[in-house]
């Protein structure tokens, strides 16, 4: 939802007659209207796993860009629209031979002056966790930044705190492995890929597989950021574990852990 204009865009991935192929459709509800209009049907995608979408606003000409990331079993794709979803660019490949989390694998800073997009994925070859970033509304993406590594399968998530006075985003990248033995929060800011690594206080207490990881953060003011992470476990016994910490941004733009 564009909170300034009130426009709402909804993205659905639906199955086709081929059980291994999905179709992505886009709906738009304009301010004051009660129903959604189908505005686009994107090209079919094989073995689709998850999608993520959002928007940015170009402050120079007030143009709105819609962004869509789609992930199948080994590739992350990206496309964007400049006419409120009526037409879309051809899919471009952000990364191949990778996997993504089912949820929270991409984030968009709608307030950043630079139109910042972030997508997180894990290499199938090296198990490294990487983040690709665009700071020009998806026109180009920078080289991937390494934010973590886990030898075993894990749950990954990415969140965003907001922007500083210069419009630079502060992004939090995170992962937890299934046994919660190798888990961390990594902070990305400006041109540096990792400011600090904060070990999770989670321990092996449930004995059950972890189902999902969520992460969020907020700017408290006075150059201080508050980060919260939640792990949801299931299958045998449903439990939720929450960790939080506070980060201070020093004068030299280094992040300092003040409490955890």
Protein backbone atom coordinates (compact mmCIF):
# COMPACT_ATOMS: atom_id res chain seq x y z
CA UNK A 1 0.00 0.00 0.00
CA UNK A 2 1.21 3.47 -0.93
CA UNK A 3 0.35 5.29 2.29
CA UNK A 4 0.67 8.70 0.66
CA UNK A 5 -1.75 8.11 -2.21
CA UNK A 6 -3.85 5.28 -0.76
CA UNK A 7 -3.30 2.98 -3.77
CA UNK A 8 -3.18 -0.73 -2.90
CA UNK A 9 -1.49 -3.37 -5.07
CA UNK A 10 -1.90 -7.10 -4.49
CA UNK A 11 0.23 -9.85 -6.05
CA UNK A 12 -0.92 -13.46 -6.33
CA UNK A 13 0.88 -16.56 -7.54
CA UNK A 14 -1.61 -19.09 -8.87
CA UNK A 15 -1.24 -22.58 -10.30
CA UNK A 16 -1.83 -23.28 -13.99
CA UNK A 17 -2.87 -26.50 -15.71
CA UNK A 18 0.75 -27.55 -15.40
CA UNK A 19 1.31 -28.37 -11.68
CA UNK A 20 4.95 -27.22 -11.94
CA UNK A 21 4.12 -23.83 -13.45
CA UNK A 22 2.74 -20.74 -11.70
CA UNK A 23 1.17 -17.55 -12.98
CA UNK A 24 1.68 -14.22 -11.18
CA UNK A 25 -1.19 -11.72 -11.35
CA UNK A 26 -1.36 -8.11 -10.15
CA UNK A 27 -4.45 -6.32 -8.82
CA UNK A 28 -4.86 -2.60 -8.12
CA UNK A 29 -7.37 -0.77 -5.94
CA UNK A 30 -7.45 2.98 -6.38
CA UNK A 31 -8.29 5.43 -3.58
CA UNK A 32 -12.03 5.68 -3.01
CA UNK A 33 -12.82 2.48 -4.89
CA UNK A 34 -14.17 -0.67 -3.23
CA UNK A 35 -13.04 -3.32 -5.69
CA UNK A 36 -9.72 -4.46 -7.11
CA UNK A 37 -8.96 -4.39 -10.82
CA UNK A 38 -6.81 -7.02 -12.54
CA UNK A 39 -4.09 -4.95 -14.22
CA UNK A 40 -1.48 -7.51 -15.32
CA UNK A 41 -0.67 -11.19 -15.74
CA UNK A 42 3.06 -11.86 -15.75
CA UNK A 43 4.78 -14.62 -17.74
CA UNK A 44 4.48 -18.11 -16.26
CA UNK A 45 7.31 -19.34 -14.05
CA UNK A 46 8.45 -22.90 -13.50
CA UNK A 47 8.77 -24.31 -9.97
CA UNK A 48 7.99 -21.00 -8.25
CA UNK A 49 8.70 -21.00 -4.50
CA UNK A 50 7.89 -17.49 -3.29
CA UNK A 51 7.39 -13.88 -4.38
CA UNK A 52 7.94 -10.49 -2.74
CA UNK A 53 6.79 -7.07 -3.90
CA UNK A 54 6.80 -3.39 -2.99
CA UNK A 55 7.21 0.12 -4.35
CA UNK A 56 9.52 3.14 -4.32
CA UNK A 57 8.90 6.80 -5.19
CA UNK A 58 11.39 8.88 -7.16
CA UNK A 59 11.43 12.15 -5.23
CA UNK A 60 12.70 14.14 -8.23
CA UNK A 61 9.72 13.46 -10.49
CA UNK A 62 7.32 11.70 -8.04
CA UNK A 63 7.24 8.64 -10.28
CA UNK A 64 6.13 5.43 -8.57
CA UNK A 65 7.95 2.18 -9.33
CA UNK A 66 6.48 -1.24 -8.50
CA UNK A 67 8.97 -4.02 -7.83
CA UNK A 68 8.57 -7.81 -7.87
CA UNK A 69 11.08 -10.47 -6.83
CA UNK A 70 10.33 -14.12 -7.63
CA UNK A 71 12.30 -17.17 -6.56
CA UNK A 72 12.15 -20.73 -7.80
CA UNK A 73 14.33 -23.59 -6.62
CA UNK A 74 17.61 -22.17 -7.91
CA UNK A 75 17.17 -18.62 -9.30
CA UNK A 76 16.06 -15.18 -8.06
CA UNK A 77 14.30 -13.04 -10.69
CA UNK A 78 13.37 -9.37 -10.69
CA UNK A 79 10.97 -7.20 -12.70
CA UNK A 80 9.52 -3.72 -12.28
CA UNK A 81 6.69 -1.56 -13.56
CA UNK A 82 6.62 2.21 -14.13
CA UNK A 83 2.90 2.47 -14.99
CA UNK A 84 1.22 1.13 -11.81
CA UNK A 85 1.47 -2.52 -12.83
CA UNK A 86 -0.03 -2.37 -16.32
CA UNK A 87 3.22 -3.45 -17.99
CA UNK A 88 6.39 -5.03 -16.64
CA UNK A 89 9.99 -5.32 -17.74
CA UNK A 90 11.38 -8.68 -18.78
CA UNK A 91 12.55 -10.83 -15.89
CA UNK A 92 16.21 -10.23 -15.05
CA UNK A 93 18.29 -12.75 -13.09
CA UNK A 94 19.61 -11.42 -9.78
CA UNK A 95 21.34 -14.68 -8.82
CA UNK A 96 21.36 -18.33 -9.88
CA UNK A 97 22.22 -21.60 -8.14
CA UNK A 98 20.79 -20.11 -4.93
CA UNK A 99 17.88 -20.59 -2.54
CA UNK A 100 15.80 -18.05 -0.62
CA UNK A 101 13.70 -18.08 2.50
CA UNK A 102 9.96 -18.58 2.05
CA UNK A 103 9.23 -15.29 3.81
CA UNK A 104 11.08 -12.04 4.48
CA UNK A 105 13.67 -12.63 1.75
CA UNK A 106 13.44 -9.10 0.31
CA UNK A 107 12.87 -5.62 1.66
CA UNK A 108 12.29 -2.18 0.14
CA UNK A 109 12.94 1.14 1.82
CA UNK A 110 10.02 3.26 0.63
CA UNK A 111 11.43 6.36 2.32
CA UNK A 112 14.97 6.16 0.96
CA UNK A 113 15.85 8.93 -1.47
CA UNK A 114 17.88 6.48 -3.54
CA UNK A 115 15.09 3.94 -4.11
CA UNK A 116 16.74 1.15 -2.13
CA UNK A 117 15.88 -2.52 -2.77
CA UNK A 118 17.46 -5.49 -0.98
CA UNK A 119 17.11 -9.21 -1.70
CA UNK A 120 18.74 -11.98 0.34
CA UNK A 121 19.62 -15.50 -0.82
CA UNK A 122 21.97 -18.39 -0.05
CA UNK A 123 24.48 -19.97 -2.42
CA UNK A 124 23.90 -23.67 -3.01
CA UNK A 125 27.64 -24.12 -3.62
CA UNK A 126 29.25 -22.26 -0.72
CA UNK A 127 26.31 -21.95 1.74
CA UNK A 128 27.16 -18.25 2.04
CA UNK A 129 24.29 -15.87 2.75
CA UNK A 130 24.33 -12.90 0.37
CA UNK A 131 22.44 -9.65 -0.17
CA UNK A 132 22.08 -7.82 -3.49
CA UNK A 133 21.20 -4.14 -3.40
CA UNK A 134 19.85 -1.58 -5.85
CA UNK A 135 19.97 2.12 -5.06
CA UNK A 136 18.38 3.41 -8.26
CA UNK A 137 14.83 1.97 -8.09
CA UNK A 138 15.86 -1.40 -9.52
CA UNK A 139 17.55 -0.11 -12.66
CA UNK A 140 20.78 -1.88 -11.69
CA UNK A 141 21.94 -4.09 -8.82
CA UNK A 142 25.32 -3.92 -7.10
CA UNK A 143 27.61 -6.89 -6.51
CA UNK A 144 26.34 -9.19 -3.80
CA UNK A 145 27.54 -8.65 -0.21
CA UNK A 146 28.35 -11.66 2.00
CA UNK A 147 26.46 -11.41 5.30
CA UNK A 148 26.78 -14.89 6.77
CA UNK A 149 27.58 -18.55 6.29
CA UNK A 150 26.05 -21.70 7.73
CA UNK A 151 27.09 -25.26 6.84
CA UNK A 152 23.59 -26.60 7.42
CA UNK A 153 20.14 -25.60 6.12
CA UNK A 154 18.79 -22.55 7.92
CA UNK A 155 16.02 -20.00 8.03
CA UNK A 156 16.95 -16.56 6.71
CA UNK A 157 15.25 -13.20 7.06
CA UNK A 158 15.92 -9.57 6.24
CA UNK A 159 14.40 -6.42 7.73
CA UNK A 160 14.77 -2.67 7.49
CA UNK A 161 14.96 0.02 10.16
CA UNK A 162 14.53 3.06 7.95
CA UNK A 163 16.79 5.76 6.55
CA UNK A 164 19.16 8.34 7.95
CA UNK A 165 19.14 12.04 7.08
CA UNK A 166 21.03 11.35 3.85
CA UNK A 167 18.45 8.79 2.73
CA UNK A 168 20.71 5.78 3.32
CA UNK A 169 18.96 2.63 4.52
CA UNK A 170 19.94 0.63 7.58
CA UNK A 171 19.19 -3.04 6.85
CA UNK A 172 19.33 -6.03 9.18
CA UNK A 173 20.15 -9.45 7.75
CA UNK A 174 19.73 -12.56 9.83
CA UNK A 175 19.84 -16.35 9.83
CA UNK A 176 19.32 -19.19 12.28
CA UNK A 177 20.19 -22.78 11.52
CA UNK A 178 17.88 -25.66 12.43
CA UNK A 179 19.81 -26.49 15.59
CA UNK A 180 20.32 -22.85 16.59
CA UNK A 181 24.05 -23.47 16.93
CA UNK A 182 25.23 -21.00 14.29
CA UNK A 183 22.99 -17.96 14.27
CA UNK A 184 23.60 -14.27 13.87
CA UNK A 185 22.28 -10.82 13.10
CA UNK A 186 24.30 -8.76 10.63
CA UNK A 187 23.79 -5.05 10.04
CA UNK A 188 24.27 -3.39 6.65
CA UNK A 189 24.62 0.37 6.35
CA UNK A 190 25.93 2.75 3.68
CA UNK A 191 28.71 1.12 1.66
CA UNK A 192 29.83 -1.38 4.29
CA UNK A 193 28.53 -4.91 4.15
CA UNK A 194 28.90 -5.86 7.82
CA UNK A 195 29.17 -3.54 10.80
CA UNK A 196 28.81 -6.02 13.59
CA UNK A 197 27.78 -9.58 14.30
CA UNK A 198 25.41 -10.15 17.20
CA UNK A 199 25.10 -13.80 18.26
CA UNK A 200 21.54 -14.88 18.95
CA UNK A 201 20.80 -15.81 22.55
CA UNK A 202 18.67 -18.73 21.32
CA UNK A 203 19.75 -22.20 22.42
CA UNK A 204 18.73 -25.78 21.66
CA UNK A 205 15.74 -26.00 23.98
CA UNK A 206 12.88 -27.28 21.86
CA UNK A 207 14.26 -30.25 19.99
CA UNK A 208 11.78 -29.39 17.22
CA UNK A 209 12.44 -28.08 13.71
CA UNK A 210 12.30 -24.32 13.28
CA UNK A 211 9.48 -23.27 10.99
CA UNK A 212 10.09 -19.56 10.38
CA UNK A 213 12.25 -16.59 11.28
CA UNK A 214 11.08 -12.98 11.31
CA UNK A 215 13.09 -9.84 11.98
CA UNK A 216 12.19 -6.19 12.32
CA UNK A 217 13.86 -3.04 13.54
CA UNK A 218 13.05 0.60 14.23
CA UNK A 219 14.91 3.88 14.57
CA UNK A 220 14.58 5.19 18.12
CA UNK A 221 16.14 8.56 17.47
CA UNK A 222 19.45 9.87 18.83
CA UNK A 223 21.21 7.52 16.38
CA UNK A 224 19.88 4.44 18.13
CA UNK A 225 18.26 1.39 16.52
CA UNK A 226 16.12 -1.29 18.17
CA UNK A 227 16.16 -4.78 16.63
CA UNK A 228 13.73 -7.63 17.33
CA UNK A 229 13.91 -11.20 16.02
CA UNK A 230 11.38 -13.99 16.50
CA UNK A 231 11.71 -17.72 15.86
CA UNK A 232 8.60 -19.85 15.42
CA UNK A 233 8.95 -23.58 16.00
CA UNK A 234 6.39 -26.23 15.22
CA UNK A 235 5.49 -29.76 14.14
CA UNK A 236 5.85 -31.24 17.62
CA UNK A 237 5.24 -28.29 19.91
CA UNK A 238 4.46 -24.73 18.87
CA UNK A 239 6.72 -22.21 20.57
CA UNK A 240 7.91 -18.68 19.91
CA UNK A 241 11.31 -17.32 20.97
CA UNK A 242 12.06 -13.60 20.85
CA UNK A 243 15.38 -11.78 21.07
CA UNK A 244 16.05 -8.06 20.93
CA UNK A 245 18.96 -5.68 21.13
CA UNK A 246 19.85 -2.01 20.81
CA UNK A 247 22.49 -0.61 18.44
CA UNK A 248 24.04 2.84 18.64
CA UNK A 249 25.42 4.61 15.59
CA UNK A 250 28.69 6.27 16.58
CA UNK A 251 30.08 9.48 15.06
CA UNK A 252 32.22 7.47 12.63
CA UNK A 253 29.13 5.52 11.50
CA UNK A 254 30.24 2.37 13.30
CA UNK A 255 27.53 0.40 15.10
CA UNK A 256 28.01 -0.37 18.78
CA UNK A 257 26.02 -3.02 20.67
CA UNK A 258 24.79 -1.31 23.83
CA UNK A 259 22.48 -4.00 25.14
CA UNK A 260 21.17 -7.38 24.12
